[in-house]
Amino acid sequence: MAICSHLDLIADTPPSGDGCLECLQIGAGWVHLRRCATCGQVGCCDSSPNKHASNHARSLRHPVMQSFEPGEEWFWCEVDQVAFEIPEAPSYSHPRKRR
């Protein structure tokens, strides 16, 4: 079983907004949203054209992201390439439907 070696970077930081900030700035859409587990930046997933969440993870060295989709509680570590859940972690999910 793969383990994330970056759990110490996870903080209880609220989401930066209701959508991908960078997509909203350029008028682009997204498929799914992810919240940076370190700083709270909301970005679009890798299925979205701009892949802002993983770009954020690599450029700022904030490797862990949490799904920001309703009903999804999982985390993903961009460096260790592993998905995981933390039962006691705060739940952050986008309240609206996808764009």
N, C-alpha and C. Protein backbone atom coordinates (compact mmCIF):
# COMPACT_ATOMS: atom_id res chain seq x y z
N MET A 1 0.84 -1.19 0.00
CA MET A 1 0.00 0.00 0.00
C MET A 1 0.89 1.25 0.00
N ALA A 2 0.65 2.13 -0.94
CA ALA A 2 1.41 3.38 -1.05
C ALA A 2 0.97 4.36 0.03
N ILE A 3 1.91 5.13 0.53
CA ILE A 3 1.64 6.09 1.59
C ILE A 3 2.15 7.46 1.16
N CYS A 4 1.38 8.50 1.47
CA CYS A 4 1.80 9.87 1.19
C CYS A 4 2.81 10.30 2.24
N SER A 5 3.93 10.82 1.77
CA SER A 5 4.99 11.27 2.69
C SER A 5 4.89 12.77 2.96
N HIS A 6 3.77 13.39 2.60
CA HIS A 6 3.62 14.85 2.74
C HIS A 6 2.45 15.24 3.65
N LEU A 7 2.05 14.35 4.52
CA LEU A 7 0.91 14.63 5.40
C LEU A 7 1.16 15.84 6.28
N ASP A 8 2.42 16.13 6.58
CA ASP A 8 2.75 17.28 7.43
C ASP A 8 2.45 18.62 6.75
N LEU A 9 2.19 18.61 5.45
CA LEU A 9 1.89 19.84 4.71
C LEU A 9 0.40 20.16 4.66
N ILE A 10 -0.43 19.25 5.20
CA ILE A 10 -1.87 19.45 5.17
C ILE A 10 -2.27 20.40 6.31
N ALA A 11 -3.02 21.44 5.96
CA ALA A 11 -3.50 22.42 6.94
C ALA A 11 -5.01 22.57 6.79
N ASP A 12 -5.66 22.97 7.85
CA ASP A 12 -7.11 23.21 7.83
C ASP A 12 -7.35 24.62 7.28
N THR A 13 -7.14 24.77 5.98
CA THR A 13 -7.26 26.07 5.32
C THR A 13 -8.51 26.08 4.46
N PRO A 14 -9.39 27.04 4.65
CA PRO A 14 -10.63 27.08 3.86
C PRO A 14 -10.35 27.31 2.38
N PRO A 15 -11.28 26.90 1.52
CA PRO A 15 -11.12 27.09 0.08
C PRO A 15 -11.03 28.57 -0.30
N SER A 16 -10.30 28.85 -1.35
CA SER A 16 -10.10 30.22 -1.81
C SER A 16 -11.34 30.80 -2.49
N GLY A 17 -12.28 29.97 -2.86
CA GLY A 17 -13.50 30.44 -3.53
C GLY A 17 -14.35 29.27 -3.97
N ASP A 18 -15.35 29.57 -4.79
CA ASP A 18 -16.29 28.55 -5.26
C ASP A 18 -15.92 27.92 -6.59
N GLY A 19 -14.80 28.34 -7.17
CA GLY A 19 -14.39 27.80 -8.45
C GLY A 19 -12.90 27.96 -8.64
N CYS A 20 -12.41 27.48 -9.75
CA CYS A 20 -10.99 27.62 -10.08
C CYS A 20 -10.70 29.10 -10.32
N LEU A 21 -9.90 29.68 -9.43
CA LEU A 21 -9.61 31.12 -9.53
C LEU A 21 -9.00 31.49 -10.87
N GLU A 22 -8.07 30.69 -11.34
CA GLU A 22 -7.39 31.01 -12.61
C GLU A 22 -8.33 30.88 -13.80
N CYS A 23 -9.19 29.86 -13.80
CA CYS A 23 -10.17 29.72 -14.89
C CYS A 23 -11.15 30.88 -14.88
N LEU A 24 -11.58 31.28 -13.70
CA LEU A 24 -12.51 32.41 -13.61
C LEU A 24 -11.87 33.69 -14.14
N GLN A 25 -10.58 33.87 -13.89
CA GLN A 25 -9.88 35.07 -14.37
C GLN A 25 -9.79 35.12 -15.90
N ILE A 26 -9.67 33.96 -16.53
CA ILE A 26 -9.51 33.94 -17.99
C ILE A 26 -10.79 33.55 -18.73
N GLY A 27 -11.86 33.32 -17.98
CA GLY A 27 -13.14 32.98 -18.59
C GLY A 27 -13.22 31.55 -19.10
N ALA A 28 -12.44 30.65 -18.52
CA ALA A 28 -12.43 29.24 -18.93
C ALA A 28 -13.32 28.41 -18.01
N GLY A 29 -13.67 27.23 -18.46
CA GLY A 29 -14.46 26.30 -17.67
C GLY A 29 -13.61 25.17 -17.14
N TRP A 30 -14.20 24.31 -16.35
CA TRP A 30 -13.47 23.18 -15.77
C TRP A 30 -14.37 21.97 -15.71
N VAL A 31 -13.76 20.82 -15.44
CA VAL A 31 -14.50 19.56 -15.31
C VAL A 31 -14.78 19.29 -13.84
N HIS A 32 -13.73 19.24 -13.02
CA HIS A 32 -13.84 19.02 -11.58
C HIS A 32 -12.91 19.99 -10.86
N LEU A 33 -13.16 20.17 -9.57
CA LEU A 33 -12.35 21.09 -8.77
C LEU A 33 -11.57 20.37 -7.69
N ARG A 34 -10.40 20.91 -7.35
CA ARG A 34 -9.55 20.40 -6.29
C ARG A 34 -9.14 21.57 -5.40
N ARG A 35 -9.01 21.31 -4.09
CA ARG A 35 -8.57 22.32 -3.13
C ARG A 35 -7.19 21.95 -2.64
N CYS A 36 -6.25 22.89 -2.70
CA CYS A 36 -4.91 22.66 -2.19
C CYS A 36 -5.03 22.44 -0.69
N ALA A 37 -4.50 21.34 -0.20
CA ALA A 37 -4.60 21.00 1.22
C ALA A 37 -3.62 21.81 2.06
N THR A 38 -2.75 22.58 1.43
CA THR A 38 -1.81 23.42 2.17
C THR A 38 -2.34 24.85 2.30
N CYS A 39 -2.73 25.47 1.18
CA CYS A 39 -3.11 26.89 1.22
C CYS A 39 -4.58 27.16 0.90
N GLY A 40 -5.33 26.16 0.44
CA GLY A 40 -6.75 26.33 0.15
C GLY A 40 -7.08 26.78 -1.26
N GLN A 41 -6.07 27.02 -2.10
CA GLN A 41 -6.31 27.45 -3.49
C GLN A 41 -7.17 26.42 -4.21
N VAL A 42 -8.25 26.87 -4.82
CA VAL A 42 -9.11 25.98 -5.59
C VAL A 42 -8.67 26.05 -7.04
N GLY A 43 -8.45 24.87 -7.63
CA GLY A 43 -8.03 24.78 -9.02
C GLY A 43 -8.77 23.68 -9.74
N CYS A 44 -8.66 23.67 -11.05
CA CYS A 44 -9.33 22.66 -11.86
C CYS A 44 -8.46 21.41 -11.97
N CYS A 45 -9.12 20.27 -12.18
CA CYS A 45 -8.44 18.97 -12.22
C CYS A 45 -7.71 18.74 -13.55
N ASP A 46 -7.01 17.63 -13.62
CA ASP A 46 -6.26 17.30 -14.83
C ASP A 46 -7.14 16.89 -16.02
N SER A 47 -8.42 16.65 -15.78
CA SER A 47 -9.34 16.40 -16.90
C SER A 47 -9.83 17.71 -17.51
N SER A 48 -9.55 18.80 -16.84
CA SER A 48 -9.91 20.14 -17.34
C SER A 48 -8.81 20.62 -18.28
N PRO A 49 -9.15 21.49 -19.22
CA PRO A 49 -8.15 21.95 -20.20
C PRO A 49 -6.90 22.60 -19.60
N ASN A 50 -7.05 23.34 -18.50
CA ASN A 50 -5.92 24.10 -17.98
C ASN A 50 -5.14 23.45 -16.84
N LYS A 51 -5.69 22.43 -16.21
CA LYS A 51 -5.00 21.65 -15.16
C LYS A 51 -4.37 22.53 -14.08
N HIS A 52 -5.11 23.52 -13.61
CA HIS A 52 -4.54 24.48 -12.67
C HIS A 52 -4.17 23.88 -11.32
N ALA A 53 -4.92 22.88 -10.83
CA ALA A 53 -4.61 22.30 -9.51
C ALA A 53 -3.25 21.62 -9.50
N SER A 54 -2.97 20.79 -10.49
CA SER A 54 -1.66 20.11 -10.50
C SER A 54 -0.53 21.08 -10.82
N ASN A 55 -0.80 22.09 -11.65
CA ASN A 55 0.22 23.12 -11.91
C ASN A 55 0.56 23.86 -10.62
N HIS A 56 -0.44 24.17 -9.82
CA HIS A 56 -0.25 24.82 -8.52
C HIS A 56 0.59 23.93 -7.61
N ALA A 57 0.24 22.65 -7.57
CA ALA A 57 0.96 21.70 -6.71
C ALA A 57 2.44 21.65 -7.05
N ARG A 58 2.74 21.61 -8.33
CA ARG A 58 4.16 21.53 -8.77
C ARG A 58 4.89 22.85 -8.57
N SER A 59 4.28 23.94 -8.96
CA SER A 59 5.00 25.22 -8.93
C SER A 59 5.22 25.75 -7.52
N LEU A 60 4.27 25.51 -6.61
CA LEU A 60 4.42 26.00 -5.24
C LEU A 60 4.88 24.93 -4.25
N ARG A 61 5.07 23.74 -4.76
CA ARG A 61 5.46 22.60 -3.92
C ARG A 61 4.45 22.36 -2.80
N HIS A 62 3.19 22.41 -3.19
CA HIS A 62 2.06 22.07 -2.33
C HIS A 62 1.48 20.78 -2.91
N PRO A 63 2.06 19.63 -2.60
CA PRO A 63 1.74 18.41 -3.34
C PRO A 63 0.39 17.77 -3.07
N VAL A 64 -0.26 18.10 -1.95
CA VAL A 64 -1.49 17.39 -1.59
C VAL A 64 -2.71 18.24 -1.92
N MET A 65 -3.66 17.64 -2.62
CA MET A 65 -4.91 18.31 -2.93
C MET A 65 -6.06 17.43 -2.47
N GLN A 66 -7.18 18.08 -2.21
CA GLN A 66 -8.38 17.39 -1.78
C GLN A 66 -9.47 17.65 -2.81
N SER A 67 -10.28 16.63 -3.08
CA SER A 67 -11.39 16.84 -4.00
C SER A 67 -12.29 17.94 -3.45
N PHE A 68 -12.77 18.79 -4.33
CA PHE A 68 -13.68 19.86 -3.95
C PHE A 68 -15.06 19.60 -4.57
N GLU A 69 -15.32 18.35 -4.88
CA GLU A 69 -16.58 17.94 -5.48
C GLU A 69 -17.54 17.46 -4.39
N PRO A 70 -18.84 17.76 -4.54
CA PRO A 70 -19.81 17.32 -3.54
C PRO A 70 -19.76 15.81 -3.29
N GLY A 71 -19.71 15.45 -2.01
CA GLY A 71 -19.73 14.04 -1.62
C GLY A 71 -18.39 13.32 -1.73
N GLU A 72 -17.34 14.01 -2.16
CA GLU A 72 -16.02 13.37 -2.29
C GLU A 72 -15.11 13.87 -1.18
N GLU A 73 -14.47 12.96 -0.47
CA GLU A 73 -13.63 13.31 0.67
C GLU A 73 -12.17 12.95 0.47
N TRP A 74 -11.78 12.44 -0.68
CA TRP A 74 -10.43 11.92 -0.89
C TRP A 74 -9.39 13.02 -1.13
N PHE A 75 -8.14 12.63 -0.88
CA PHE A 75 -6.97 13.47 -1.12
C PHE A 75 -6.11 12.81 -2.20
N TRP A 76 -5.25 13.58 -2.83
CA TRP A 76 -4.30 13.07 -3.83
C TRP A 76 -2.97 13.76 -3.60
N CYS A 77 -1.89 12.97 -3.58
CA CYS A 77 -0.56 13.54 -3.48
C CYS A 77 0.08 13.50 -4.85
N GLU A 78 0.38 14.66 -5.39
CA GLU A 78 0.95 14.80 -6.72
C GLU A 78 2.35 14.20 -6.80
N VAL A 79 3.12 14.27 -5.72
CA VAL A 79 4.49 13.75 -5.71
C VAL A 79 4.50 12.24 -5.57
N ASP A 80 3.79 11.73 -4.57
CA ASP A 80 3.80 10.29 -4.30
C ASP A 80 2.83 9.51 -5.19
N GLN A 81 1.98 10.25 -5.95
CA GLN A 81 1.01 9.63 -6.85
C GLN A 81 0.14 8.60 -6.12
N VAL A 82 -0.45 9.06 -5.01
CA VAL A 82 -1.28 8.17 -4.21
C VAL A 82 -2.54 8.91 -3.75
N ALA A 83 -3.66 8.21 -3.81
CA ALA A 83 -4.93 8.73 -3.30
C ALA A 83 -5.14 8.15 -1.90
N PHE A 84 -5.78 8.93 -1.03
CA PHE A 84 -6.01 8.46 0.33
C PHE A 84 -7.14 9.27 0.96
N GLU A 85 -7.64 8.79 2.09
CA GLU A 85 -8.65 9.50 2.85
C GLU A 85 -8.14 9.70 4.27
N ILE A 86 -8.59 10.76 4.89
CA ILE A 86 -8.29 11.04 6.29
C ILE A 86 -9.64 11.20 6.98
N PRO A 87 -10.08 10.18 7.70
CA PRO A 87 -11.44 10.21 8.26
C PRO A 87 -11.77 11.45 9.09
N GLU A 88 -10.83 11.97 9.85
CA GLU A 88 -11.13 13.11 10.71
C GLU A 88 -10.89 14.47 10.04
N ALA A 89 -10.50 14.46 8.78
CA ALA A 89 -10.21 15.72 8.06
C ALA A 89 -11.49 16.51 7.81
N PRO A 90 -11.39 17.84 7.85
CA PRO A 90 -12.56 18.66 7.52
C PRO A 90 -13.02 18.38 6.08
N SER A 91 -14.30 18.45 5.89
CA SER A 91 -14.86 18.22 4.56
C SER A 91 -15.07 19.55 3.86
N TYR A 92 -14.44 19.69 2.72
CA TYR A 92 -14.63 20.87 1.89
C TYR A 92 -15.14 20.38 0.55
N SER A 93 -16.32 20.79 0.19
CA SER A 93 -16.82 20.44 -1.14
C SER A 93 -17.59 21.60 -1.71
N HIS A 94 -17.48 21.72 -3.00
CA HIS A 94 -18.14 22.80 -3.73
C HIS A 94 -19.64 22.61 -3.64
N PRO A 95 -20.38 23.65 -3.27
CA PRO A 95 -21.82 23.50 -3.08
C PRO A 95 -22.65 23.48 -4.36
N ARG A 96 -22.07 23.94 -5.47
CA ARG A 96 -22.83 24.03 -6.72
C ARG A 96 -22.44 22.91 -7.69
N LYS A 97 -23.23 22.79 -8.73
CA LYS A 97 -22.93 21.83 -9.79
C LYS A 97 -21.72 22.29 -10.59
N ARG A 98 -21.13 21.35 -11.30
CA ARG A 98 -19.99 21.67 -12.15
C ARG A 98 -20.37 22.63 -13.25
N ARG A 99 -19.36 23.34 -13.75
CA ARG A 99 -19.53 24.25 -14.87
C ARG A 99 -19.51 23.49 -16.16
